[in-house]
Amino acid sequence: HHLAHAAYACYSSPYENAACAVIDGYGEGGSISIYHYEHDKLKEVRLHKGPQSLGWLYEMITTLCGFDWFTGEEWKVMGLAPYGKIIPEAYQLIKELCRYENQRLHYPPVERIIAILRELEAFKRAPDSDPWTAADLAFTGQTCFAELTTAMLKDVEALKLSPNLVIGGGCGLNSSFNGTVTSTTGFSKLFVPSAPADDGNSIGAAM
């Protein structure tokens, strides 16, 4: 699954070499895979094993904002985010729910995850309410996602695979975050294919 993401992203890029980060909801063994692309070949460098997932985190935020992640409404969260502001209590809960350190994502114990999700329910948009009421939660969730993903990409940068970065996987659809990558990391160039999520995987498999 992740190899198909990486193939489509790298083979459609303008680069001869690149670091490739597949940031996904799920894969065979984990949600994040790092590849080195060079001389038309892909080599897996690192797999973030386990169920921890930035894609799942964004799905959860999408649901709390009153949208349907299953039909691909994460874009509504990204679009609302610039109109909101941080909710400090929700920010702290989300940061506890998912953190990045020692080259991987970490979740707290299951009991604490359940407790955090129950506390986050207090911020959930009421059914049939105006979507604009979710702007603050959207901004808070987008901020947490951006901080976690930036920390992860800085670890990829430290591998010194290439000054070029390619992003594949469903989280590559977060164009708002993508626009910050070259200013918040040491990568000089970024390429994201036109269909980084699962709809591009058939092309990657063919490639």
N, C-alpha and C. Protein backbone atom coordinates (compact mmCIF):
# COMPACT_ATOMS: atom_id res chain seq x y z
N HIS A 1 0.83 -1.20 0.00
CA HIS A 1 0.00 0.00 0.00
C HIS A 1 0.88 1.26 0.00
N HIS A 2 1.80 1.35 0.94
CA HIS A 2 2.66 2.53 1.02
C HIS A 2 3.65 2.58 -0.14
N LEU A 3 4.09 1.42 -0.61
CA LEU A 3 5.00 1.40 -1.76
C LEU A 3 4.30 1.98 -2.99
N ALA A 4 3.01 1.68 -3.16
CA ALA A 4 2.26 2.25 -4.28
C ALA A 4 2.12 3.76 -4.12
N HIS A 5 1.86 4.23 -2.89
CA HIS A 5 1.84 5.68 -2.63
C HIS A 5 3.18 6.31 -3.03
N ALA A 6 4.27 5.70 -2.56
CA ALA A 6 5.61 6.25 -2.81
C ALA A 6 5.95 6.22 -4.29
N ALA A 7 5.58 5.14 -4.98
CA ALA A 7 5.89 5.03 -6.41
C ALA A 7 5.21 6.13 -7.20
N TYR A 8 3.91 6.33 -6.95
CA TYR A 8 3.19 7.37 -7.68
C TYR A 8 3.78 8.75 -7.38
N ALA A 9 4.06 9.01 -6.09
CA ALA A 9 4.57 10.32 -5.70
C ALA A 9 5.94 10.59 -6.31
N CYS A 10 6.84 9.62 -6.22
CA CYS A 10 8.22 9.84 -6.66
C CYS A 10 8.37 9.79 -8.17
N TYR A 11 7.72 8.81 -8.83
CA TYR A 11 7.86 8.68 -10.27
C TYR A 11 7.17 9.80 -11.03
N SER A 12 6.22 10.47 -10.40
CA SER A 12 5.57 11.61 -11.06
C SER A 12 6.21 12.93 -10.68
N SER A 13 7.21 12.89 -9.80
CA SER A 13 7.88 14.12 -9.36
C SER A 13 8.93 14.55 -10.40
N PRO A 14 9.41 15.79 -10.32
CA PRO A 14 10.45 16.24 -11.25
C PRO A 14 11.86 15.93 -10.76
N TYR A 15 11.99 15.17 -9.68
CA TYR A 15 13.29 14.97 -9.04
C TYR A 15 13.94 13.65 -9.46
N GLU A 16 15.27 13.66 -9.49
CA GLU A 16 16.03 12.43 -9.70
C GLU A 16 16.33 11.74 -8.38
N ASN A 17 16.30 12.51 -7.30
CA ASN A 17 16.46 11.93 -5.96
C ASN A 17 15.62 12.74 -4.99
N ALA A 18 15.14 12.06 -3.96
CA ALA A 18 14.28 12.73 -2.98
C ALA A 18 14.12 11.87 -1.74
N ALA A 19 13.79 12.52 -0.63
CA ALA A 19 13.26 11.83 0.54
C ALA A 19 11.75 11.77 0.34
N CYS A 20 11.17 10.63 0.58
CA CYS A 20 9.73 10.46 0.39
C CYS A 20 9.09 10.07 1.71
N ALA A 21 8.11 10.86 2.13
CA ALA A 21 7.36 10.57 3.36
C ALA A 21 5.93 10.21 2.97
N VAL A 22 5.56 8.96 3.21
CA VAL A 22 4.18 8.53 3.01
C VAL A 22 3.48 8.67 4.36
N ILE A 23 2.56 9.62 4.44
CA ILE A 23 1.87 9.94 5.69
C ILE A 23 0.40 9.62 5.47
N ASP A 24 -0.06 8.56 6.12
CA ASP A 24 -1.31 7.94 5.73
C ASP A 24 -2.22 7.71 6.93
N GLY A 25 -3.41 7.24 6.64
CA GLY A 25 -4.29 6.81 7.72
C GLY A 25 -3.83 5.46 8.24
N TYR A 26 -3.65 4.53 7.31
CA TYR A 26 -3.23 3.18 7.66
C TYR A 26 -2.39 2.60 6.54
N GLY A 27 -1.61 1.57 6.86
CA GLY A 27 -0.84 0.83 5.87
C GLY A 27 -0.75 -0.60 6.34
N GLU A 28 0.18 -1.36 5.78
CA GLU A 28 0.29 -2.76 6.20
C GLU A 28 0.78 -2.88 7.64
N GLY A 29 1.81 -2.13 7.99
CA GLY A 29 2.39 -2.27 9.32
C GLY A 29 2.39 -1.00 10.15
N GLY A 30 2.03 0.10 9.53
CA GLY A 30 2.03 1.39 10.23
C GLY A 30 1.48 2.46 9.32
N SER A 31 1.41 3.68 9.83
CA SER A 31 0.77 4.76 9.07
C SER A 31 1.76 5.69 8.37
N ILE A 32 3.06 5.57 8.70
CA ILE A 32 4.07 6.45 8.11
C ILE A 32 5.24 5.60 7.62
N SER A 33 5.60 5.78 6.36
CA SER A 33 6.77 5.11 5.80
C SER A 33 7.69 6.15 5.17
N ILE A 34 8.99 5.98 5.37
CA ILE A 34 9.98 6.88 4.79
C ILE A 34 10.79 6.11 3.75
N TYR A 35 10.91 6.68 2.57
CA TYR A 35 11.66 6.05 1.48
C TYR A 35 12.75 6.99 0.98
N HIS A 36 13.81 6.38 0.43
CA HIS A 36 14.82 7.14 -0.31
C HIS A 36 14.64 6.82 -1.78
N TYR A 37 14.42 7.85 -2.56
CA TYR A 37 14.21 7.69 -4.00
C TYR A 37 15.45 8.18 -4.73
N GLU A 38 16.08 7.29 -5.52
CA GLU A 38 17.28 7.66 -6.26
C GLU A 38 17.50 6.66 -7.39
N HIS A 39 17.91 7.17 -8.57
CA HIS A 39 18.17 6.31 -9.73
C HIS A 39 16.95 5.43 -10.05
N ASP A 40 15.77 6.03 -9.98
CA ASP A 40 14.51 5.34 -10.30
C ASP A 40 14.20 4.17 -9.37
N LYS A 41 14.84 4.13 -8.23
CA LYS A 41 14.59 3.05 -7.28
C LYS A 41 14.10 3.62 -5.95
N LEU A 42 13.28 2.84 -5.26
CA LEU A 42 12.74 3.21 -3.96
C LEU A 42 13.25 2.25 -2.90
N LYS A 43 13.79 2.79 -1.85
CA LYS A 43 14.27 1.97 -0.74
C LYS A 43 13.61 2.45 0.55
N GLU A 44 12.92 1.53 1.24
CA GLU A 44 12.31 1.90 2.52
C GLU A 44 13.39 2.11 3.55
N VAL A 45 13.34 3.27 4.19
CA VAL A 45 14.35 3.63 5.19
C VAL A 45 13.80 3.45 6.60
N ARG A 46 12.51 3.73 6.76
CA ARG A 46 11.93 3.67 8.10
C ARG A 46 10.42 3.44 7.99
N LEU A 47 9.90 2.60 8.87
CA LEU A 47 8.46 2.39 8.99
C LEU A 47 8.05 2.67 10.42
N HIS A 48 7.09 3.55 10.60
CA HIS A 48 6.57 3.84 11.93
C HIS A 48 5.54 2.76 12.27
N LYS A 49 5.97 1.71 12.92
CA LYS A 49 5.10 0.56 13.19
C LYS A 49 4.07 0.90 14.26
N GLY A 50 2.91 0.24 14.17
CA GLY A 50 1.88 0.41 15.18
C GLY A 50 0.66 1.14 14.65
N PRO A 51 -0.37 1.24 15.46
CA PRO A 51 -1.63 1.84 15.02
C PRO A 51 -1.65 3.37 15.06
N GLN A 52 -0.64 3.98 15.67
CA GLN A 52 -0.64 5.44 15.79
C GLN A 52 -0.65 6.09 14.40
N SER A 53 -1.49 7.11 14.23
CA SER A 53 -1.72 7.63 12.88
C SER A 53 -2.12 9.09 12.89
N LEU A 54 -1.41 9.90 12.11
CA LEU A 54 -1.82 11.29 11.93
C LEU A 54 -3.11 11.37 11.12
N GLY A 55 -3.29 10.41 10.21
CA GLY A 55 -4.53 10.36 9.45
C GLY A 55 -5.73 10.11 10.34
N TRP A 56 -5.57 9.17 11.28
CA TRP A 56 -6.66 8.91 12.23
C TRP A 56 -6.94 10.14 13.07
N LEU A 57 -5.90 10.84 13.50
CA LEU A 57 -6.08 12.04 14.31
C LEU A 57 -6.93 13.07 13.56
N TYR A 58 -6.64 13.25 12.28
CA TYR A 58 -7.40 14.23 11.50
C TYR A 58 -8.83 13.75 11.25
N GLU A 59 -9.00 12.43 11.11
CA GLU A 59 -10.35 11.88 10.98
C GLU A 59 -11.17 12.19 12.23
N MET A 60 -10.54 12.04 13.39
CA MET A 60 -11.22 12.31 14.66
C MET A 60 -11.62 13.78 14.75
N ILE A 61 -10.72 14.67 14.35
CA ILE A 61 -11.02 16.10 14.38
C ILE A 61 -12.15 16.43 13.41
N THR A 62 -12.12 15.79 12.24
CA THR A 62 -13.17 15.98 11.24
C THR A 62 -14.54 15.61 11.81
N THR A 63 -14.59 14.49 12.51
CA THR A 63 -15.85 14.04 13.12
C THR A 63 -16.32 15.02 14.18
N LEU A 64 -15.41 15.49 15.03
CA LEU A 64 -15.78 16.45 16.07
C LEU A 64 -16.30 17.76 15.47
N CYS A 65 -15.79 18.11 14.31
CA CYS A 65 -16.25 19.34 13.65
C CYS A 65 -17.59 19.15 12.95
N GLY A 66 -18.12 17.92 12.99
CA GLY A 66 -19.43 17.65 12.42
C GLY A 66 -19.42 17.24 10.97
N PHE A 67 -18.25 16.82 10.46
CA PHE A 67 -18.13 16.41 9.07
C PHE A 67 -17.85 14.91 8.98
N ASP A 68 -17.93 14.37 7.77
CA ASP A 68 -17.81 12.93 7.56
C ASP A 68 -16.48 12.60 6.90
N TRP A 69 -15.54 12.07 7.68
CA TRP A 69 -14.23 11.72 7.12
C TRP A 69 -14.35 10.60 6.09
N PHE A 70 -15.34 9.72 6.26
CA PHE A 70 -15.46 8.56 5.37
C PHE A 70 -15.76 8.98 3.93
N THR A 71 -16.43 10.11 3.77
CA THR A 71 -16.71 10.61 2.43
C THR A 71 -15.73 11.70 2.02
N GLY A 72 -14.66 11.87 2.80
CA GLY A 72 -13.58 12.77 2.41
C GLY A 72 -13.80 14.22 2.75
N GLU A 73 -14.47 14.52 3.87
CA GLU A 73 -14.75 15.92 4.20
C GLU A 73 -13.68 16.58 5.08
N GLU A 74 -12.50 15.97 5.15
CA GLU A 74 -11.41 16.60 5.90
C GLU A 74 -11.07 17.99 5.35
N TRP A 75 -11.28 18.17 4.05
CA TRP A 75 -10.98 19.45 3.44
C TRP A 75 -11.77 20.59 4.05
N LYS A 76 -12.94 20.28 4.58
CA LYS A 76 -13.75 21.32 5.22
C LYS A 76 -13.09 21.82 6.51
N VAL A 77 -12.44 20.90 7.22
CA VAL A 77 -11.70 21.29 8.42
C VAL A 77 -10.55 22.22 8.03
N MET A 78 -9.79 21.81 7.01
CA MET A 78 -8.66 22.62 6.54
C MET A 78 -9.13 24.00 6.08
N GLY A 79 -10.29 24.04 5.41
CA GLY A 79 -10.81 25.31 4.91
C GLY A 79 -11.32 26.23 6.01
N LEU A 80 -11.89 25.63 7.06
CA LEU A 80 -12.41 26.43 8.18
C LEU A 80 -11.30 26.95 9.09
N ALA A 81 -10.21 26.20 9.17
CA ALA A 81 -9.18 26.48 10.18
C ALA A 81 -8.68 27.94 10.20
N PRO A 82 -8.42 28.57 9.05
CA PRO A 82 -7.90 29.94 9.10
C PRO A 82 -8.84 30.96 9.73
N TYR A 83 -10.12 30.58 9.89
CA TYR A 83 -11.10 31.51 10.45
C TYR A 83 -11.26 31.33 11.96
N GLY A 84 -10.49 30.41 12.54
CA GLY A 84 -10.65 30.13 13.96
C GLY A 84 -9.46 30.56 14.79
N LYS A 85 -9.52 30.20 16.04
CA LYS A 85 -8.43 30.47 16.97
C LYS A 85 -8.29 29.25 17.89
N ILE A 86 -7.20 29.20 18.62
CA ILE A 86 -6.92 28.06 19.48
C ILE A 86 -7.93 27.95 20.62
N ILE A 87 -8.40 26.74 20.86
CA ILE A 87 -9.15 26.43 22.08
C ILE A 87 -8.14 25.76 23.02
N PRO A 88 -7.65 26.47 24.03
CA PRO A 88 -6.55 25.93 24.84
C PRO A 88 -6.83 24.56 25.43
N GLU A 89 -8.04 24.34 25.95
CA GLU A 89 -8.36 23.05 26.58
C GLU A 89 -8.33 21.92 25.56
N ALA A 90 -8.91 22.15 24.38
CA ALA A 90 -8.91 21.12 23.34
C ALA A 90 -7.50 20.88 22.81
N TYR A 91 -6.73 21.95 22.69
CA TYR A 91 -5.33 21.82 22.24
C TYR A 91 -4.55 20.90 23.16
N GLN A 92 -4.67 21.09 24.45
CA GLN A 92 -3.94 20.26 25.40
C GLN A 92 -4.38 18.80 25.34
N LEU A 93 -5.66 18.57 25.15
CA LEU A 93 -6.17 17.21 25.06
C LEU A 93 -5.65 16.51 23.80
N ILE A 94 -5.68 17.21 22.67
CA ILE A 94 -5.20 16.61 21.43
C ILE A 94 -3.70 16.35 21.49
N LYS A 95 -2.96 17.28 22.10
CA LYS A 95 -1.52 17.09 22.24
C LYS A 95 -1.19 15.89 23.12
N GLU A 96 -2.04 15.62 24.11
CA GLU A 96 -1.84 14.45 24.94
C GLU A 96 -2.24 13.18 24.20
N LEU A 97 -3.22 13.29 23.35
CA LEU A 97 -3.72 12.14 22.61
C LEU A 97 -2.68 11.59 21.64
N CYS A 98 -1.91 12.48 21.03
CA CYS A 98 -0.90 12.06 20.06
C CYS A 98 0.32 12.95 20.18
N ARG A 99 1.47 12.35 20.42
CA ARG A 99 2.72 13.12 20.49
C ARG A 99 3.78 12.44 19.65
N TYR A 100 4.78 13.21 19.25
CA TYR A 100 5.86 12.67 18.43
C TYR A 100 7.19 12.85 19.15
N GLU A 101 7.87 11.76 19.39
CA GLU A 101 9.21 11.81 19.97
C GLU A 101 9.92 10.48 19.71
N ASN A 102 11.24 10.53 19.75
CA ASN A 102 12.06 9.34 19.50
C ASN A 102 11.69 8.67 18.18
N GLN A 103 11.49 9.50 17.17
CA GLN A 103 11.27 9.06 15.79
C GLN A 103 9.97 8.30 15.57
N ARG A 104 8.98 8.52 16.42
CA ARG A 104 7.70 7.85 16.19
C ARG A 104 6.56 8.55 16.91
N LEU A 105 5.34 8.22 16.47
CA LEU A 105 4.15 8.73 17.12
C LEU A 105 3.84 7.88 18.35
N HIS A 106 3.26 8.52 19.35
CA HIS A 106 2.91 7.82 20.58
C HIS A 106 1.48 8.19 20.98
N TYR A 107 0.71 7.19 21.40
CA TYR A 107 -0.60 7.39 22.01
C TYR A 107 -0.48 7.01 23.49
N PRO A 108 -1.32 7.58 24.34
CA PRO A 108 -1.35 7.15 25.75
C PRO A 108 -2.03 5.79 25.86
N PRO A 109 -2.08 5.20 27.04
CA PRO A 109 -2.80 3.93 27.22
C PRO A 109 -4.26 4.05 26.80
N VAL A 110 -4.85 2.91 26.44
CA VAL A 110 -6.22 2.88 25.90
C VAL A 110 -7.22 3.58 26.82
N GLU A 111 -7.08 3.35 28.13
CA GLU A 111 -8.02 3.96 29.07
C GLU A 111 -7.97 5.48 28.99
N ARG A 112 -6.76 6.02 28.82
CA ARG A 112 -6.61 7.47 28.73
C ARG A 112 -7.12 7.98 27.39
N ILE A 113 -6.92 7.22 26.32
CA ILE A 113 -7.46 7.61 25.02
C ILE A 113 -8.97 7.76 25.10
N ILE A 114 -9.62 6.79 25.70
CA ILE A 114 -11.08 6.82 25.84
C ILE A 114 -11.51 8.05 26.65
N ALA A 115 -10.77 8.32 27.74
CA ALA A 115 -11.10 9.47 28.59
C ALA A 115 -10.92 10.79 27.84
N ILE A 116 -9.84 10.89 27.05
CA ILE A 116 -9.58 12.10 26.27
C ILE A 116 -10.68 12.32 25.23
N LEU A 117 -11.05 11.24 24.53
CA LEU A 117 -12.10 11.36 23.52
C LEU A 117 -13.42 11.80 24.13
N ARG A 118 -13.71 11.32 25.35
CA ARG A 118 -14.93 11.75 26.03
C ARG A 118 -14.87 13.23 26.37
N GLU A 119 -13.70 13.70 26.81
CA GLU A 119 -13.56 15.12 27.13
C GLU A 119 -13.67 15.98 25.88
N LEU A 120 -13.14 15.48 24.75
CA LEU A 120 -13.20 16.24 23.50
C LEU A 120 -14.63 16.35 22.98
N GLU A 121 -15.50 15.43 23.38
CA GLU A 121 -16.90 15.48 22.96
C GLU A 121 -17.56 16.81 23.36
N ALA A 122 -17.04 17.43 24.42
CA ALA A 122 -17.61 18.71 24.89
C ALA A 122 -17.45 19.81 23.84
N PHE A 123 -16.49 19.63 22.91
CA PHE A 123 -16.23 20.65 21.90
C PHE A 123 -16.87 20.31 20.55
N LYS A 124 -17.58 19.20 20.50
CA LYS A 124 -18.14 18.72 19.24
C LYS A 124 -19.25 19.65 18.74
N ARG A 125 -19.26 19.90 17.44
CA ARG A 125 -20.31 20.74 16.85
C ARG A 125 -21.65 20.04 16.95
N ALA A 126 -22.64 20.76 17.39
CA ALA A 126 -23.98 20.19 17.54
C ALA A 126 -24.57 19.86 16.17
N PRO A 127 -25.34 18.79 16.08
CA PRO A 127 -25.97 18.42 14.81
C PRO A 127 -26.82 19.57 14.25
N ASP A 128 -26.72 19.77 12.95
CA ASP A 128 -27.51 20.78 12.22
C ASP A 128 -27.15 22.22 12.60
N SER A 129 -26.06 22.41 13.37
CA SER A 129 -25.64 23.78 13.70
C SER A 129 -24.79 24.34 12.56
N ASP A 130 -24.62 25.63 12.56
CA ASP A 130 -23.84 26.31 11.52
C ASP A 130 -22.40 25.78 11.51
N PRO A 131 -21.88 25.36 10.36
CA PRO A 131 -20.50 24.87 10.31
C PRO A 131 -19.46 25.86 10.82
N TRP A 132 -19.78 27.16 10.73
CA TRP A 132 -18.83 28.16 11.20
C TRP A 132 -18.55 28.03 12.70
N THR A 133 -19.45 27.40 13.44
CA THR A 133 -19.23 27.23 14.87
C THR A 133 -18.07 26.27 15.15
N ALA A 134 -17.63 25.54 14.13
CA ALA A 134 -16.52 24.59 14.31
C ALA A 134 -15.18 25.20 13.93
N ALA A 135 -15.14 26.48 13.59
CA ALA A 135 -13.90 27.09 13.11
C ALA A 135 -12.77 27.01 14.15
N ASP A 136 -13.08 27.28 15.41
CA ASP A 136 -12.04 27.25 16.45
C ASP A 136 -11.50 25.84 16.65
N LEU A 137 -12.37 24.86 16.63
CA LEU A 137 -11.93 23.48 16.77
C LEU A 137 -11.11 23.06 15.55
N ALA A 138 -11.51 23.51 14.36
CA ALA A 138 -10.76 23.20 13.15
C ALA A 138 -9.36 23.79 13.22
N PHE A 139 -9.25 25.03 13.66
CA PHE A 139 -7.94 25.67 13.78
C PHE A 139 -7.07 24.94 14.80
N THR A 140 -7.68 24.56 15.91
CA THR A 140 -6.94 23.84 16.95
C THR A 140 -6.43 22.50 16.43
N GLY A 141 -7.29 21.77 15.74
CA GLY A 141 -6.89 20.48 15.19
C GLY A 141 -5.84 20.62 14.11
N GLN A 142 -6.00 21.59 13.22
CA GLN A 142 -5.02 21.82 12.16
C GLN A 142 -3.67 22.20 12.75
N THR A 143 -3.68 22.99 13.81
CA THR A 143 -2.43 23.39 14.46
C THR A 143 -1.71 22.19 15.04
N CYS A 144 -2.44 21.32 15.71
CA CYS A 144 -1.84 20.11 16.29
C CYS A 144 -1.28 19.21 15.19
N PHE A 145 -2.04 19.03 14.13
CA PHE A 145 -1.57 18.22 13.00
C PHE A 145 -0.29 18.79 12.42
N ALA A 146 -0.26 20.10 12.22
CA ALA A 146 0.91 20.74 11.63
C ALA A 146 2.14 20.60 12.52
N GLU A 147 1.97 20.77 13.81
CA GLU A 147 3.10 20.65 14.73
C GLU A 147 3.67 19.24 14.74
N LEU A 148 2.80 18.25 14.79
CA LEU A 148 3.24 16.85 14.80
C LEU A 148 3.92 16.47 13.49
N THR A 149 3.34 16.88 12.38
CA THR A 149 3.89 16.52 11.08
C THR A 149 5.22 17.23 10.83
N THR A 150 5.33 18.47 11.26
CA THR A 150 6.60 19.19 11.12
C THR A 150 7.70 18.51 11.92
N ALA A 151 7.39 18.09 13.14
CA ALA A 151 8.39 17.38 13.96
C ALA A 151 8.84 16.10 13.27
N MET A 152 7.90 15.38 12.68
CA MET A 152 8.24 14.15 11.98
C MET A 152 9.11 14.42 10.76
N LEU A 153 8.77 15.46 10.00
CA LEU A 153 9.55 15.78 8.80
C LEU A 153 10.94 16.29 9.14
N LYS A 154 11.10 16.93 10.28
CA LYS A 154 12.44 17.34 10.70
C LYS A 154 13.31 16.13 11.00
N ASP A 155 12.70 15.06 11.50
CA ASP A 155 13.44 13.81 11.69
C ASP A 155 13.85 13.22 10.34
N VAL A 156 12.96 13.30 9.36
CA VAL A 156 13.30 12.82 8.02
C VAL A 156 14.44 13.65 7.44
N GLU A 157 14.37 14.95 7.64
CA GLU A 157 15.43 15.85 7.18
C GLU A 157 16.78 15.45 7.77
N ALA A 158 16.78 15.04 9.05
CA ALA A 158 18.03 14.67 9.74
C ALA A 158 18.69 13.44 9.12
N LEU A 159 17.93 12.64 8.36
CA LEU A 159 18.49 11.48 7.68
C LEU A 159 19.39 11.88 6.51
N LYS A 160 19.27 13.13 6.06
CA LYS A 160 20.09 13.69 4.99
C LYS A 160 20.02 12.85 3.71
N LEU A 161 18.81 12.46 3.35
CA LEU A 161 18.62 11.67 2.14
C LEU A 161 18.67 12.53 0.88
N SER A 162 18.12 13.75 0.99
CA SER A 162 18.05 14.64 -0.16
C SER A 162 17.49 15.98 0.30
N PRO A 163 17.83 17.07 -0.42
CA PRO A 163 17.18 18.36 -0.11
C PRO A 163 15.76 18.43 -0.67
N ASN A 164 15.39 17.44 -1.48
CA ASN A 164 14.06 17.39 -2.07
C ASN A 164 13.16 16.46 -1.25
N LEU A 165 11.95 16.89 -1.04
CA LEU A 165 10.98 16.09 -0.30
C LEU A 165 9.77 15.81 -1.17
N VAL A 166 9.31 14.57 -1.13
CA VAL A 166 8.07 14.17 -1.79
C VAL A 166 7.15 13.63 -0.71
N ILE A 167 5.89 14.04 -0.72
CA ILE A 167 4.91 13.56 0.25
C ILE A 167 3.82 12.78 -0.48
N GLY A 168 3.52 11.58 0.02
CA GLY A 168 2.43 10.78 -0.49
C GLY A 168 1.54 10.35 0.67
N GLY A 169 0.45 9.66 0.35
CA GLY A 169 -0.50 9.25 1.39
C GLY A 169 -1.59 10.28 1.58
N GLY A 170 -2.65 9.88 2.25
CA GLY A 170 -3.82 10.74 2.41
C GLY A 170 -3.55 12.09 3.05
N CYS A 171 -2.59 12.13 3.98
CA CYS A 171 -2.28 13.41 4.64
C CYS A 171 -1.62 14.41 3.69
N GLY A 172 -1.16 13.92 2.54
CA GLY A 172 -0.62 14.82 1.53
C GLY A 172 -1.67 15.73 0.93
N LEU A 173 -2.95 15.45 1.19
CA LEU A 173 -4.03 16.32 0.71
C LEU A 173 -4.14 17.61 1.52
N ASN A 174 -3.41 17.69 2.63
CA ASN A 174 -3.49 18.89 3.46
C ASN A 174 -2.62 19.99 2.86
N SER A 175 -3.15 20.62 1.83
CA SER A 175 -2.37 21.62 1.08
C SER A 175 -2.02 22.84 1.92
N SER A 176 -2.86 23.15 2.90
CA SER A 176 -2.56 24.27 3.79
C SER A 176 -1.26 24.01 4.55
N PHE A 177 -1.10 22.78 5.07
CA PHE A 177 0.15 22.43 5.74
C PHE A 177 1.30 22.35 4.74
N ASN A 178 1.05 21.75 3.58
CA ASN A 178 2.12 21.59 2.59
C ASN A 178 2.79 22.92 2.26
N GLY A 179 2.01 23.99 2.25
CA GLY A 179 2.56 25.30 1.92
C GLY A 179 3.55 25.84 2.94
N THR A 180 3.63 25.20 4.11
CA THR A 180 4.55 25.67 5.15
C THR A 180 5.84 24.85 5.23
N VAL A 181 5.90 23.73 4.50
CA VAL A 181 6.98 22.76 4.72
C VAL A 181 8.36 23.34 4.48
N THR A 182 8.57 24.03 3.36
CA THR A 182 9.92 24.51 3.06
C THR A 182 10.35 25.67 3.97
N SER A 183 9.40 26.30 4.64
CA SER A 183 9.76 27.39 5.57
C SER A 183 9.95 26.91 7.00
N THR A 184 9.45 25.71 7.32
CA THR A 184 9.55 25.20 8.70
C THR A 184 10.52 24.03 8.82
N THR A 185 11.03 23.54 7.68
CA THR A 185 12.03 22.47 7.70
C THR A 185 13.21 22.90 6.83
N GLY A 186 14.20 22.04 6.73
CA GLY A 186 15.37 22.35 5.91
C GLY A 186 15.25 21.88 4.48
N PHE A 187 14.13 21.28 4.11
CA PHE A 187 13.96 20.86 2.72
C PHE A 187 13.81 22.09 1.82
N SER A 188 14.52 22.08 0.71
CA SER A 188 14.48 23.24 -0.19
C SER A 188 13.36 23.15 -1.21
N LYS A 189 12.93 21.91 -1.53
CA LYS A 189 11.86 21.74 -2.51
C LYS A 189 10.89 20.67 -2.04
N LEU A 190 9.62 20.85 -2.41
CA LEU A 190 8.57 19.90 -2.05
C LEU A 190 7.72 19.59 -3.27
N PHE A 191 7.42 18.30 -3.44
CA PHE A 191 6.47 17.89 -4.47
C PHE A 191 5.42 16.99 -3.86
N VAL A 192 4.16 17.29 -4.15
CA VAL A 192 3.04 16.44 -3.74
C VAL A 192 2.26 16.12 -5.01
N PRO A 193 2.03 14.84 -5.32
CA PRO A 193 1.31 14.51 -6.56
C PRO A 193 -0.14 14.97 -6.49
N SER A 194 -0.80 14.94 -7.64
CA SER A 194 -2.17 15.47 -7.71
C SER A 194 -3.18 14.60 -6.96
N ALA A 195 -2.87 13.32 -6.77
CA ALA A 195 -3.78 12.43 -6.05
C ALA A 195 -2.97 11.60 -5.05
N PRO A 196 -2.51 12.24 -3.96
CA PRO A 196 -1.64 11.53 -3.03
C PRO A 196 -2.35 10.46 -2.20
N ALA A 197 -3.68 10.51 -2.13
CA ALA A 197 -4.43 9.56 -1.32
C ALA A 197 -4.65 8.26 -2.10
N ASP A 198 -5.56 7.43 -1.64
CA ASP A 198 -5.72 6.09 -2.21
C ASP A 198 -6.14 6.09 -3.67
N ASP A 199 -6.77 7.19 -4.13
CA ASP A 199 -7.18 7.21 -5.53
C ASP A 199 -6.00 7.26 -6.48
N GLY A 200 -4.82 7.60 -5.98
CA GLY A 200 -3.62 7.58 -6.82
C GLY A 200 -2.86 6.27 -6.79
N ASN A 201 -3.29 5.37 -5.90
CA ASN A 201 -2.52 4.14 -5.72
C ASN A 201 -2.57 3.19 -6.91
N SER A 202 -3.63 3.24 -7.69
CA SER A 202 -3.67 2.39 -8.88
C SER A 202 -2.58 2.81 -9.87
N ILE A 203 -2.33 4.12 -9.95
CA ILE A 203 -1.25 4.62 -10.83
C ILE A 203 0.09 4.18 -10.27
N GLY A 204 0.26 4.32 -8.95
CA GLY A 204 1.51 3.89 -8.33
C GLY A 204 1.77 2.42 -8.51
N ALA A 205 0.72 1.60 -8.39
CA ALA A 205 0.87 0.15 -8.58
C ALA A 205 1.29 -0.15 -10.01
N ALA A 206 0.69 0.54 -10.98
CA ALA A 206 1.05 0.32 -12.38
C ALA A 206 2.49 0.74 -12.64
N MET A 207 2.89 1.88 -12.04
CA MET A 207 4.26 2.35 -12.23
C MET A 207 5.27 1.37 -11.64
